[in-house]
């Protein structure tokens, strides 16, 4: 028996991958606007990811 992923699980998997890409882009000093455009993550979430990364460095 195979277990199919729910639509929610699929969406979370896609977002997780997008977030990983966003983190790599931000680590390379790309602007939040560029990251949002490339990853399709809303700009406000990109800013939250960036803030989270800055707090982790402190």
PDB file of N, CA and C in Angstrom:
ATOM      1  N   UNK A   1       0.839  -1.163   0.000  1.00  0.00           N
ATOM      2  CA  UNK A   1       0.000   0.000   0.000  1.00  0.00           C
ATOM      3  C   UNK A   1       0.900   1.247   0.000  1.00  0.00           C
ATOM      4  N   UNK A   2       0.581   2.197  -0.850  1.00  0.00           N
ATOM      5  CA  UNK A   2       1.339   3.437  -0.893  1.00  0.00           C
ATOM      6  C   UNK A   2       0.531   4.538  -0.218  1.00  0.00           C
ATOM      7  N   UNK A   3       1.246   5.449   0.362  1.00  0.00           N
ATOM      8  CA  UNK A   3       0.600   6.563   1.034  1.00  0.00           C
ATOM      9  C   UNK A   3       0.903   7.816   0.222  1.00  0.00           C
ATOM     10  N   UNK A   4      -0.146   8.425  -0.295  1.00  0.00           N
ATOM     11  CA  UNK A   4       0.022   9.657  -1.049  1.00  0.00           C
ATOM     12  C   UNK A   4       0.111  10.831  -0.094  1.00  0.00           C
ATOM     13  N   UNK A   5       0.925  11.802  -0.469  1.00  0.00           N
ATOM     14  CA  UNK A   5       1.032  13.005   0.333  1.00  0.00           C
ATOM     15  C   UNK A   5      -0.234  13.835   0.147  1.00  0.00           C
ATOM     16  N   UNK A   6      -0.700  14.433   1.215  1.00  0.00           N
ATOM     17  CA  UNK A   6      -1.844  15.325   1.104  1.00  0.00           C
ATOM     18  C   UNK A   6      -1.395  16.601   0.399  1.00  0.00           C
ATOM     19  N   UNK A   7      -2.357  17.364  -0.056  1.00  0.00           N
ATOM     20  CA  UNK A   7      -2.035  18.635  -0.705  1.00  0.00           C
ATOM     21  C   UNK A   7      -1.260  19.539   0.251  1.00  0.00           C
ATOM     22  N   UNK A   8      -1.629  19.507   1.520  1.00  0.00           N
ATOM     23  CA  UNK A   8      -0.920  20.317   2.514  1.00  0.00           C
ATOM     24  C   UNK A   8       0.538  19.880   2.627  1.00  0.00           C
ATOM     25  N   UNK A   9       0.756  18.569   2.705  1.00  0.00           N
ATOM     26  CA  UNK A   9       2.124  18.059   2.813  1.00  0.00           C
ATOM     27  C   UNK A   9       2.946  18.423   1.592  1.00  0.00           C
ATOM     28  N   UNK A  10       2.337  18.354   0.429  1.00  0.00           N
ATOM     29  CA  UNK A  10       3.031  18.728  -0.808  1.00  0.00           C
ATOM     30  C   UNK A  10       3.403  20.209  -0.784  1.00  0.00           C
ATOM     31  N   UNK A  11       2.464  21.032  -0.348  1.00  0.00           N
ATOM     32  CA  UNK A  11       2.723  22.473  -0.267  1.00  0.00           C
ATOM     33  C   UNK A  11       3.845  22.778   0.712  1.00  0.00           C
ATOM     34  N   UNK A  12       3.847  22.092   1.846  1.00  0.00           N
ATOM     35  CA  UNK A  12       4.903  22.307   2.836  1.00  0.00           C
ATOM     36  C   UNK A  12       6.260  21.865   2.301  1.00  0.00           C
ATOM     37  N   UNK A  13       6.300  20.790   1.543  1.00  0.00           N
ATOM     38  CA  UNK A  13       7.557  20.316   0.967  1.00  0.00           C
ATOM     39  C   UNK A  13       8.095  21.333  -0.033  1.00  0.00           C
ATOM     40  N   UNK A  14       7.207  21.891  -0.844  1.00  0.00           N
ATOM     41  CA  UNK A  14       7.622  22.901  -1.831  1.00  0.00           C
ATOM     42  C   UNK A  14       8.124  24.142  -1.113  1.00  0.00           C
ATOM     43  N   UNK A  15       7.394  24.598  -0.083  1.00  0.00           N
ATOM     44  CA  UNK A  15       7.824  25.783   0.646  1.00  0.00           C
ATOM     45  C   UNK A  15       9.156  25.555   1.339  1.00  0.00           C
ATOM     46  N   UNK A  16       9.341  24.372   1.880  1.00  0.00           N
ATOM     47  CA  UNK A  16      10.601  24.055   2.549  1.00  0.00           C
ATOM     48  C   UNK A  16      11.773  24.187   1.584  1.00  0.00           C
ATOM     49  N   UNK A  17      11.605  23.690   0.376  1.00  0.00           N
ATOM     50  CA  UNK A  17      12.658  23.793  -0.635  1.00  0.00           C
ATOM     51  C   UNK A  17      12.884  25.258  -1.017  1.00  0.00           C
ATOM     52  N   UNK A  18      11.794  26.016  -1.179  1.00  0.00           N
ATOM     53  CA  UNK A  18      11.924  27.434  -1.505  1.00  0.00           C
ATOM     54  C   UNK A  18      12.645  28.182  -0.389  1.00  0.00           C
ATOM     55  N   UNK A  19      12.341  27.822   0.848  1.00  0.00           N
ATOM     56  CA  UNK A  19      12.998  28.482   1.980  1.00  0.00           C
ATOM     57  C   UNK A  19      14.490  28.178   2.003  1.00  0.00           C
ATOM     58  N   UNK A  20      14.869  26.956   1.694  1.00  0.00           N
ATOM     59  CA  UNK A  20      16.298  26.602   1.633  1.00  0.00           C
ATOM     60  C   UNK A  20      17.003  27.439   0.580  1.00  0.00           C
ATOM     61  N   UNK A  21      16.371  27.584  -0.572  1.00  0.00           N
ATOM     62  CA  UNK A  21      16.953  28.392  -1.651  1.00  0.00           C
ATOM     63  C   UNK A  21      17.055  29.849  -1.204  1.00  0.00           C
ATOM     64  N   UNK A  22      16.006  30.360  -0.569  1.00  0.00           N
ATOM     65  CA  UNK A  22      16.011  31.746  -0.086  1.00  0.00           C
ATOM     66  C   UNK A  22      17.154  31.969   0.899  1.00  0.00           C
ATOM     67  N   UNK A  23      17.363  31.038   1.801  1.00  0.00           N
ATOM     68  CA  UNK A  23      18.448  31.172   2.778  1.00  0.00           C
ATOM     69  C   UNK A  23      19.811  31.216   2.086  1.00  0.00           C
ATOM     70  N   UNK A  24      19.991  30.386   1.078  1.00  0.00           N
ATOM     71  CA  UNK A  24      21.260  30.397   0.342  1.00  0.00           C
ATOM     72  C   UNK A  24      21.460  31.722  -0.382  1.00  0.00           C
ATOM     73  N   UNK A  25      20.395  32.232  -0.972  1.00  0.00           N
ATOM     74  CA  UNK A  25      20.483  33.507  -1.691  1.00  0.00           C
ATOM     75  C   UNK A  25      20.793  34.645  -0.724  1.00  0.00           C
ATOM     76  N   UNK A  26      20.127  34.658   0.421  1.00  0.00           N
ATOM     77  CA  UNK A  26      20.383  35.705   1.410  1.00  0.00           C
ATOM     78  C   UNK A  26      21.805  35.605   1.955  1.00  0.00           C
ATOM     79  N   UNK A  27      22.300  34.390   2.119  1.00  0.00           N
ATOM     80  CA  UNK A  27      23.670  34.192   2.593  1.00  0.00           C
ATOM     81  C   UNK A  27      24.682  34.743   1.591  1.00  0.00           C
ATOM     82  N   UNK A  28      24.281  34.807   0.336  1.00  0.00           N
ATOM     83  CA  UNK A  28      25.149  35.381  -0.700  1.00  0.00           C
ATOM     84  C   UNK A  28      24.890  36.866  -0.893  1.00  0.00           C
ATOM     85  N   UNK A  29      24.212  37.455   0.078  1.00  0.00           N
ATOM     86  CA  UNK A  29      23.940  38.898   0.113  1.00  0.00           C
ATOM     87  C   UNK A  29      23.059  39.393  -1.028  1.00  0.00           C
ATOM     88  N   UNK A  30      22.178  38.549  -1.517  1.00  0.00           N
ATOM     89  CA  UNK A  30      21.196  39.014  -2.493  1.00  0.00           C
ATOM     90  C   UNK A  30      20.120  39.775  -1.736  1.00  0.00           C
ATOM     91  N   UNK A  31      19.523  40.750  -2.386  1.00  0.00           N
ATOM     92  CA  UNK A  31      18.518  41.567  -1.713  1.00  0.00           C
ATOM     93  C   UNK A  31      17.244  40.761  -1.466  1.00  0.00           C
ATOM     94  N   UNK A  32      16.522  41.105  -0.408  1.00  0.00           N
ATOM     95  CA  UNK A  32      15.251  40.422  -0.139  1.00  0.00           C
ATOM     96  C   UNK A  32      14.280  40.516  -1.320  1.00  0.00           C
ATOM     97  N   UNK A  33      14.308  41.633  -2.033  1.00  0.00           N
ATOM     98  CA  UNK A  33      13.431  41.790  -3.197  1.00  0.00           C
ATOM     99  C   UNK A  33      13.766  40.776  -4.284  1.00  0.00           C
ATOM    100  N   UNK A  34      15.072  40.573  -4.533  1.00  0.00           N
ATOM    101  CA  UNK A  34      15.491  39.578  -5.524  1.00  0.00           C
ATOM    102  C   UNK A  34      15.091  38.174  -5.089  1.00  0.00           C
ATOM    103  N   UNK A  35      15.292  37.880  -3.815  1.00  0.00           N
ATOM    104  CA  UNK A  35      14.965  36.555  -3.284  1.00  0.00           C
ATOM    105  C   UNK A  35      13.468  36.293  -3.425  1.00  0.00           C
ATOM    106  N   UNK A  36      12.659  37.270  -3.079  1.00  0.00           N
ATOM    107  CA  UNK A  36      11.203  37.116  -3.187  1.00  0.00           C
ATOM    108  C   UNK A  36      10.788  36.879  -4.632  1.00  0.00           C
ATOM    109  N   UNK A  37      11.409  37.616  -5.540  1.00  0.00           N
ATOM    110  CA  UNK A  37      11.062  37.472  -6.961  1.00  0.00           C
ATOM    111  C   UNK A  37      11.418  36.086  -7.493  1.00  0.00           C
ATOM    112  N   UNK A  38      12.579  35.587  -7.148  1.00  0.00           N
ATOM    113  CA  UNK A  38      13.040  34.303  -7.673  1.00  0.00           C
ATOM    114  C   UNK A  38      12.308  33.125  -7.028  1.00  0.00           C
ATOM    115  N   UNK A  39      12.086  33.204  -5.718  1.00  0.00           N
ATOM    116  CA  UNK A  39      11.512  32.059  -5.001  1.00  0.00           C
ATOM    117  C   UNK A  39       9.990  32.073  -4.917  1.00  0.00           C
ATOM    118  N   UNK A  40       9.377  33.198  -5.263  1.00  0.00           N
ATOM    119  CA  UNK A  40       7.921  33.374  -5.113  1.00  0.00           C
ATOM    120  C   UNK A  40       7.472  33.335  -3.657  1.00  0.00           C
ATOM    121  N   UNK A  41       8.405  33.587  -2.742  1.00  0.00           N
ATOM    122  CA  UNK A  41       8.047  33.731  -1.331  1.00  0.00           C
ATOM    123  C   UNK A  41       7.677  35.195  -1.120  1.00  0.00           C
ATOM    124  N   UNK A  42       6.577  35.469  -0.428  1.00  0.00           N
ATOM    125  CA  UNK A  42       6.212  36.867  -0.178  1.00  0.00           C
ATOM    126  C   UNK A  42       7.351  37.630   0.507  1.00  0.00           C
ATOM    127  N   UNK A  43       7.500  38.881   0.128  1.00  0.00           N
ATOM    128  CA  UNK A  43       8.608  39.697   0.626  1.00  0.00           C
ATOM    129  C   UNK A  43       8.640  39.752   2.148  1.00  0.00           C
ATOM    130  N   UNK A  44       7.484  39.853   2.789  1.00  0.00           N
ATOM    131  CA  UNK A  44       7.482  39.930   4.244  1.00  0.00           C
ATOM    132  C   UNK A  44       8.049  38.655   4.869  1.00  0.00           C
ATOM    133  N   UNK A  45       7.834  37.500   4.241  1.00  0.00           N
ATOM    134  CA  UNK A  45       8.405  36.255   4.753  1.00  0.00           C
ATOM    135  C   UNK A  45       9.911  36.203   4.515  1.00  0.00           C
ATOM    136  N   UNK A  46      10.363  36.742   3.402  1.00  0.00           N
ATOM    137  CA  UNK A  46      11.806  36.794   3.134  1.00  0.00           C
ATOM    138  C   UNK A  46      12.482  37.640   4.211  1.00  0.00           C
ATOM    139  N   UNK A  47      11.847  38.749   4.593  1.00  0.00           N
ATOM    140  CA  UNK A  47      12.406  39.586   5.655  1.00  0.00           C
ATOM    141  C   UNK A  47      12.450  38.815   6.980  1.00  0.00           C
ATOM    142  N   UNK A  48      11.429  38.005   7.249  1.00  0.00           N
ATOM    143  CA  UNK A  48      11.426  37.198   8.472  1.00  0.00           C
ATOM    144  C   UNK A  48      12.538  36.149   8.444  1.00  0.00           C
ATOM    145  N   UNK A  49      12.744  35.527   7.287  1.00  0.00           N
ATOM    146  CA  UNK A  49      13.826  34.540   7.143  1.00  0.00           C
ATOM    147  C   UNK A  49      15.170  35.219   7.378  1.00  0.00           C
ATOM    148  N   UNK A  50      15.331  36.401   6.792  1.00  0.00           N
ATOM    149  CA  UNK A  50      16.597  37.129   6.948  1.00  0.00           C
ATOM    150  C   UNK A  50      16.831  37.495   8.419  1.00  0.00           C
ATOM    151  N   UNK A  51      15.783  37.964   9.093  1.00  0.00           N
ATOM    152  CA  UNK A  51      15.897  38.324  10.510  1.00  0.00           C
ATOM    153  C   UNK A  51      16.261  37.088  11.333  1.00  0.00           C
ATOM    154  N   UNK A  52      15.646  35.952  11.028  1.00  0.00           N
ATOM    155  CA  UNK A  52      15.935  34.700  11.711  1.00  0.00           C
ATOM    156  C   UNK A  52      17.400  34.312  11.519  1.00  0.00           C
ATOM    157  N   UNK A  53      17.902  34.491  10.301  1.00  0.00           N
ATOM    158  CA  UNK A  53      19.307  34.160  10.022  1.00  0.00           C
ATOM    159  C   UNK A  53      20.242  35.079  10.811  1.00  0.00           C
ATOM    160  N   UNK A  54      19.882  36.352  10.894  1.00  0.00           N
ATOM    161  CA  UNK A  54      20.724  37.310  11.630  1.00  0.00           C
ATOM    162  C   UNK A  54      20.737  36.997  13.118  1.00  0.00           C
ATOM    163  N   UNK A  55      19.593  36.577  13.665  1.00  0.00           N
ATOM    164  CA  UNK A  55      19.539  36.212  15.077  1.00  0.00           C
ATOM    165  C   UNK A  55      20.352  34.946  15.355  1.00  0.00           C
ATOM    166  N   UNK A  56      20.352  34.038  14.418  1.00  0.00           N
ATOM    167  CA  UNK A  56      21.104  32.789  14.580  1.00  0.00           C
ATOM    168  C   UNK A  56      22.610  33.055  14.583  1.00  0.00           C
ATOM    169  N   UNK A  57      23.036  34.097  13.881  1.00  0.00           N
ATOM    170  CA  UNK A  57      24.456  34.432  13.822  1.00  0.00           C
ATOM    171  C   UNK A  57      24.935  35.082  15.109  1.00  0.00           C
ATOM    172  N   UNK A  58      24.027  35.737  15.819  1.00  0.00           N
ATOM    173  CA  UNK A  58      24.417  36.502  17.024  1.00  0.00           C
ATOM    174  C   UNK A  58      24.772  35.603  18.191  1.00  0.00           C
TER     175      UNK A  58
END
